[in-house]
Protein backbone atom coordinates (compact mmCIF):
# COMPACT_ATOMS: atom_id res chain seq x y z
CA UNK A 1 -39.54 65.22 19.75
CA UNK A 2 -39.69 61.40 19.61
CA UNK A 3 -40.99 61.58 16.04
CA UNK A 4 -38.21 63.94 15.07
CA UNK A 5 -35.50 61.70 16.51
CA UNK A 6 -36.95 58.76 14.55
CA UNK A 7 -36.86 60.80 11.37
CA UNK A 8 -33.20 61.71 11.94
CA UNK A 9 -32.33 58.05 12.54
CA UNK A 10 -34.11 57.04 9.36
CA UNK A 11 -32.25 59.68 7.37
CA UNK A 12 -28.91 58.44 8.80
CA UNK A 13 -29.70 54.88 7.73
CA UNK A 14 -30.65 55.98 4.21
CA UNK A 15 -27.44 58.00 3.91
CA UNK A 16 -25.35 54.94 4.95
CA UNK A 17 -27.13 52.69 2.42
CA UNK A 18 -26.60 55.28 -0.26
CA UNK A 19 -22.90 55.37 0.51
CA UNK A 20 -22.61 51.57 0.21
CA UNK A 21 -24.46 51.62 -3.11
CA UNK A 22 -22.18 54.35 -4.38
CA UNK A 23 -19.06 52.40 -3.41
CA UNK A 24 -20.38 49.26 -5.12
CA UNK A 25 -21.24 51.23 -8.23
CA UNK A 26 -17.75 52.71 -8.31
CA UNK A 27 -16.22 49.22 -8.10
CA UNK A 28 -18.38 47.94 -10.98
CA UNK A 29 -17.52 51.02 -13.04
CA UNK A 30 -13.81 50.46 -12.39
CA UNK A 31 -14.04 46.84 -13.58
CA UNK A 32 -15.94 47.95 -16.68
CA UNK A 33 -13.33 50.59 -17.46
CA UNK A 34 -10.42 48.10 -17.13
CA UNK A 35 -12.24 45.55 -19.27
CA UNK A 36 -13.18 48.18 -21.83
CA UNK A 37 -9.56 49.14 -22.20
CA UNK A 38 -8.87 45.50 -23.13
CA UNK A 39 -11.39 45.46 -25.97
CA UNK A 40 -14.90 46.87 -25.59
CA UNK A 41 -18.19 45.48 -24.27
CA UNK A 42 -17.47 41.85 -25.31
CA UNK A 43 -14.13 41.96 -23.51
CA UNK A 44 -15.90 43.33 -20.43
CA UNK A 45 -17.92 40.13 -19.98
CA UNK A 46 -14.83 37.99 -20.61
CA UNK A 47 -12.72 39.86 -18.07
CA UNK A 48 -15.37 39.70 -15.36
CA UNK A 49 -15.88 35.98 -15.99
CA UNK A 50 -12.17 35.23 -15.80
CA UNK A 51 -11.84 37.14 -12.58
CA UNK A 52 -14.65 35.17 -10.97
CA UNK A 53 -12.97 31.77 -11.54
CA UNK A 54 -9.37 32.73 -10.84
CA UNK A 55 -7.49 29.84 -9.19
CA UNK A 56 -5.26 26.83 -9.94
CA UNK A 57 -5.15 25.44 -13.47
CA UNK A 58 -7.75 22.86 -14.48
CA UNK A 59 -6.58 19.27 -13.92
CA UNK A 60 -7.82 15.71 -13.85
CA UNK A 61 -6.32 13.05 -11.57
CA UNK A 62 -6.60 9.37 -12.52
CA UNK A 63 -5.22 6.05 -11.30
CA UNK A 64 -3.84 3.47 -13.70
CA UNK A 65 -2.91 -0.12 -12.86
CA UNK A 66 -0.46 -2.41 -14.64
CA UNK A 67 0.31 -6.06 -13.85
CA UNK A 68 2.93 -8.47 -15.13
CA UNK A 69 3.05 -12.17 -14.27
CA UNK A 70 6.06 -14.45 -13.84
CA UNK A 71 6.89 -17.85 -12.36
CA UNK A 72 8.41 -17.62 -8.86
CA UNK A 73 11.88 -19.07 -8.48
CA UNK A 74 12.52 -18.48 -4.76
CA UNK A 75 10.76 -19.63 -1.62
CA UNK A 76 10.78 -18.42 1.94
CA UNK A 77 9.53 -20.84 4.58
CA UNK A 78 9.00 -20.41 8.30
CA UNK A 79 10.27 -23.38 10.33
CA UNK A 80 10.38 -23.83 14.07
CA UNK A 81 9.98 -26.04 17.09
CA UNK A 82 7.51 -26.07 19.94
CA UNK A 83 8.06 -28.15 23.10
CA UNK A 84 6.17 -28.57 26.36
CA UNK A 85 7.86 -29.38 29.68
CA UNK A 86 7.12 -29.23 33.39
CA UNK A 87 9.34 -26.22 34.06
CA UNK A 88 10.28 -23.14 32.10
CA UNK A 89 13.97 -24.03 32.20
CA UNK A 90 13.42 -27.52 30.86
CA UNK A 91 11.15 -26.21 28.10
CA UNK A 92 13.63 -23.55 27.02
CA UNK A 93 16.57 -25.97 27.05
CA UNK A 94 14.65 -28.53 25.01
CA UNK A 95 13.59 -25.91 22.44
CA UNK A 96 17.17 -24.69 22.11
CA UNK A 97 18.48 -28.24 21.62
CA UNK A 98 15.89 -29.08 19.00
CA UNK A 99 16.36 -25.82 17.14
CA UNK A 100 20.10 -26.45 16.96
CA UNK A 101 19.37 -29.87 15.45
CA UNK A 102 16.90 -28.38 12.97
CA UNK A 103 19.34 -25.74 11.75
CA UNK A 104 22.10 -28.33 11.37
CA UNK A 105 19.76 -30.53 9.31
CA UNK A 106 18.71 -27.80 6.87
CA UNK A 107 22.30 -26.61 6.46
CA UNK A 108 23.16 -30.17 5.41
CA UNK A 109 20.69 -29.61 2.52
CA UNK A 110 22.74 -26.68 1.24
CA UNK A 111 21.01 -23.78 3.04
CA UNK A 112 23.53 -21.05 3.84
CA UNK A 113 23.83 -19.06 7.08
CA UNK A 114 22.89 -15.85 5.25
CA UNK A 115 19.54 -17.42 4.32
CA UNK A 116 18.54 -18.35 7.90
CA UNK A 117 17.16 -15.69 10.23
CA UNK A 118 15.62 -16.10 13.66
CA UNK A 119 12.10 -14.67 13.70
CA UNK A 120 10.72 -15.68 17.09
CA UNK A 121 11.60 -17.02 20.53
CA UNK A 122 8.86 -17.61 23.09
CA UNK A 123 8.03 -19.28 26.39
CA UNK A 124 4.53 -19.40 27.85
CA UNK A 125 2.89 -20.84 30.91
CA UNK A 126 0.07 -23.27 30.19
CA UNK A 127 -2.60 -24.10 32.78
CA UNK A 128 -4.62 -27.09 31.55
CA UNK A 129 -7.81 -27.86 33.47
CA UNK A 130 -7.28 -30.47 36.21
CA UNK A 131 -3.59 -30.77 35.26
CA UNK A 132 -0.35 -29.32 36.61
CA UNK A 133 1.04 -26.15 35.15
CA UNK A 134 3.34 -26.72 32.17
CA UNK A 135 5.52 -24.49 30.03
CA UNK A 136 5.64 -24.24 26.25
CA UNK A 137 8.75 -22.90 24.56
CA UNK A 138 9.17 -22.12 20.88
CA UNK A 139 11.79 -20.98 18.43
CA UNK A 140 11.31 -20.15 14.76
CA UNK A 141 13.43 -19.16 11.77
CA UNK A 142 12.81 -17.83 8.29
CA UNK A 143 14.61 -19.89 5.64
CA UNK A 144 15.20 -18.70 2.10
CA UNK A 145 15.48 -21.39 -0.56
CA UNK A 146 16.79 -20.39 -3.98
CA UNK A 147 15.53 -23.41 -5.91
CA UNK A 148 11.91 -24.49 -5.52
CA UNK A 149 12.85 -28.11 -6.16
CA UNK A 150 14.71 -28.10 -2.82
CA UNK A 151 11.78 -26.97 -0.68
CA UNK A 152 10.44 -30.46 -0.01
CA UNK A 153 13.80 -31.92 0.97
CA UNK A 154 14.55 -29.03 3.35
CA UNK A 155 11.20 -29.45 5.10
CA UNK A 156 11.68 -33.22 5.32
CA UNK A 157 15.15 -32.79 6.83
CA UNK A 158 13.81 -30.40 9.46
CA UNK A 159 10.98 -32.76 10.37
CA UNK A 160 13.29 -35.75 10.69
CA UNK A 161 15.58 -33.74 12.98
CA UNK A 162 12.93 -32.78 15.57
CA UNK A 163 10.02 -35.18 14.99
CA UNK A 164 6.59 -34.16 16.22
CA UNK A 165 7.87 -30.89 17.68
CA UNK A 166 8.28 -29.43 14.18
CA UNK A 167 6.37 -26.28 13.32
CA UNK A 168 5.89 -25.28 9.68
CA UNK A 169 4.29 -21.87 9.69
CA UNK A 170 3.92 -21.04 6.01
CA UNK A 171 5.64 -20.46 2.69
CA UNK A 172 5.93 -17.48 0.34
CA UNK A 173 6.95 -17.92 -3.29
CA UNK A 174 8.87 -14.98 -4.71
CA UNK A 175 10.77 -13.66 -7.71
CA UNK A 176 14.51 -13.32 -7.30
CA UNK A 177 14.51 -10.46 -9.84
CA UNK A 178 11.39 -8.55 -10.83
CA UNK A 179 13.10 -5.83 -12.88
CA UNK A 180 11.60 -6.89 -16.21
CA UNK A 181 8.11 -7.35 -14.76
CA UNK A 182 8.30 -4.01 -12.96
CA UNK A 183 9.20 -2.18 -16.16
CA UNK A 184 6.32 -3.77 -18.05
CA UNK A 185 3.87 -3.08 -15.22
CA UNK A 186 4.85 0.60 -15.16
CA UNK A 187 4.32 0.94 -18.91
CA UNK A 188 0.93 -0.74 -18.67
CA UNK A 189 -0.07 1.44 -15.72
CA UNK A 190 0.79 4.68 -17.52
CA UNK A 191 -1.08 3.55 -20.63
CA UNK A 192 -4.14 2.76 -18.52
CA UNK A 193 -3.93 6.14 -16.78
CA UNK A 194 -3.66 8.00 -20.10
CA UNK A 195 -6.68 6.20 -21.55
CA UNK A 196 -8.75 6.93 -18.47
CA UNK A 197 -7.72 10.59 -18.37
CA UNK A 198 -8.55 11.02 -22.07
CA UNK A 199 -11.99 9.56 -21.44
CA UNK A 200 -12.65 11.96 -18.55
CA UNK A 201 -11.42 14.92 -20.56
CA UNK A 202 -13.85 14.01 -23.35
CA UNK A 203 -16.73 13.70 -20.90
CA UNK A 204 -15.88 17.14 -19.57
CA UNK A 205 -15.70 18.64 -23.07
CA UNK A 206 -12.00 19.39 -22.70
CA UNK A 207 -8.70 18.23 -24.19
CA UNK A 208 -5.92 16.40 -22.37
CA UNK A 209 -2.79 18.43 -21.73
CA UNK A 210 0.61 17.57 -20.33
CA UNK A 211 1.38 15.38 -17.31
CA UNK A 212 1.88 17.46 -14.17
CA UNK A 213 2.78 14.76 -11.64
CA UNK A 214 3.11 10.98 -11.22
CA UNK A 215 3.25 8.84 -8.08
CA UNK A 216 3.34 5.04 -7.84
CA UNK A 217 2.68 2.15 -5.48
CA UNK A 218 4.39 -1.19 -6.19
CA UNK A 219 3.08 -4.58 -5.05
CA UNK A 220 5.36 -7.57 -5.56
CA UNK A 221 2.42 -9.93 -5.16
CA UNK A 222 4.05 -12.93 -3.51
CA UNK A 223 1.81 -15.98 -3.68
CA UNK A 224 -0.32 -16.72 -0.65
CA UNK A 225 0.82 -19.16 2.01
CA UNK A 226 -0.89 -22.57 2.18
CA UNK A 227 -0.48 -22.51 5.96
CA UNK A 228 -2.14 -20.07 8.31
CA UNK A 229 -0.53 -18.39 11.28
CA UNK A 230 1.85 -19.88 13.81
CA UNK A 231 1.35 -23.62 14.03
CA UNK A 232 -0.91 -23.70 10.99
CA UNK A 233 1.08 -26.56 9.49
CA UNK A 234 2.70 -29.02 11.87
CA UNK A 235 4.51 -32.31 11.36
CA UNK A 236 4.68 -34.05 8.02
CA UNK A 237 7.60 -34.51 5.69
CA UNK A 238 8.59 -33.04 2.36
CA UNK A 239 5.75 -31.32 0.59
CA UNK A 240 5.20 -30.88 -3.17
CA UNK A 241 5.39 -27.22 -4.16
CA UNK A 242 3.59 -25.77 -7.18
CA UNK A 243 5.15 -22.52 -8.39
CA UNK A 244 2.06 -21.03 -10.02
CA UNK A 245 2.34 -17.36 -10.93
CA UNK A 246 3.50 -14.30 -9.02
CA UNK A 247 2.11 -10.87 -9.91
CA UNK A 248 4.04 -7.63 -10.01
CA UNK A 249 1.52 -4.79 -9.88
CA UNK A 250 2.10 -1.06 -10.20
CA UNK A 251 -0.55 1.57 -9.43
CA UNK A 252 0.15 5.11 -10.62
CA UNK A 253 -1.72 8.30 -9.76
CA UNK A 254 -1.25 10.78 -12.61
CA UNK A 255 -2.33 14.42 -12.71
CA UNK A 256 -2.99 15.77 -16.22
CA UNK A 257 -3.62 19.34 -17.31
CA UNK A 258 -6.95 20.03 -19.02
CA UNK A 259 -7.01 22.44 -21.95
CA UNK A 260 -9.80 23.93 -24.09
């Protein structure tokens, strides 16, 4: 009886396998029939191949970069004061007084209210070793100057107004209008992307089709500051400023269609 039950189980397994094979064969036959209706045995291979790679259209994505240079004509400087006193109230009052004097001095050089913006107010407790606790208060503003030739005189005026408590925290040289440079950078970026995409298409044995999408990232490329972080440049009078070159850079990511 045990042998008989094993035989029945084996027969059941063989029947199930046969059914699966039959179903698979039917599916293959159906594909062959549909392909044959489209054009014979050669079309059969083509139809099966196309079905196996069905999906989104073939594309290549590249990044192109374009840069245009120009001479900066605007400057933004960070000016401030830092004072140390025995109490927090005295330190804050002294910083406020000196900042008022600094702002009055730079306004006398032609800087307008719209071009002065407060960027920081601080007060900190200092605990020097073997010395009484003191308090340091600070106040800083961002000042926009529309003519680079005036930068030195504005800095000198601020320094004369507050003396050794002056804080010069950096300068950025900028373009007042980068429209022309931006247009040229975009054209250069698209040309670079097209050349790169054409090269990749050739390497892949394909042809370059139409553009499917474009996205961009713009960098105005202000020149780097000669001063570091807060307090990086302190004291001193008017400083010579060299305009150098500012870069306007555009990066574009372009998706192209690939064709045969």
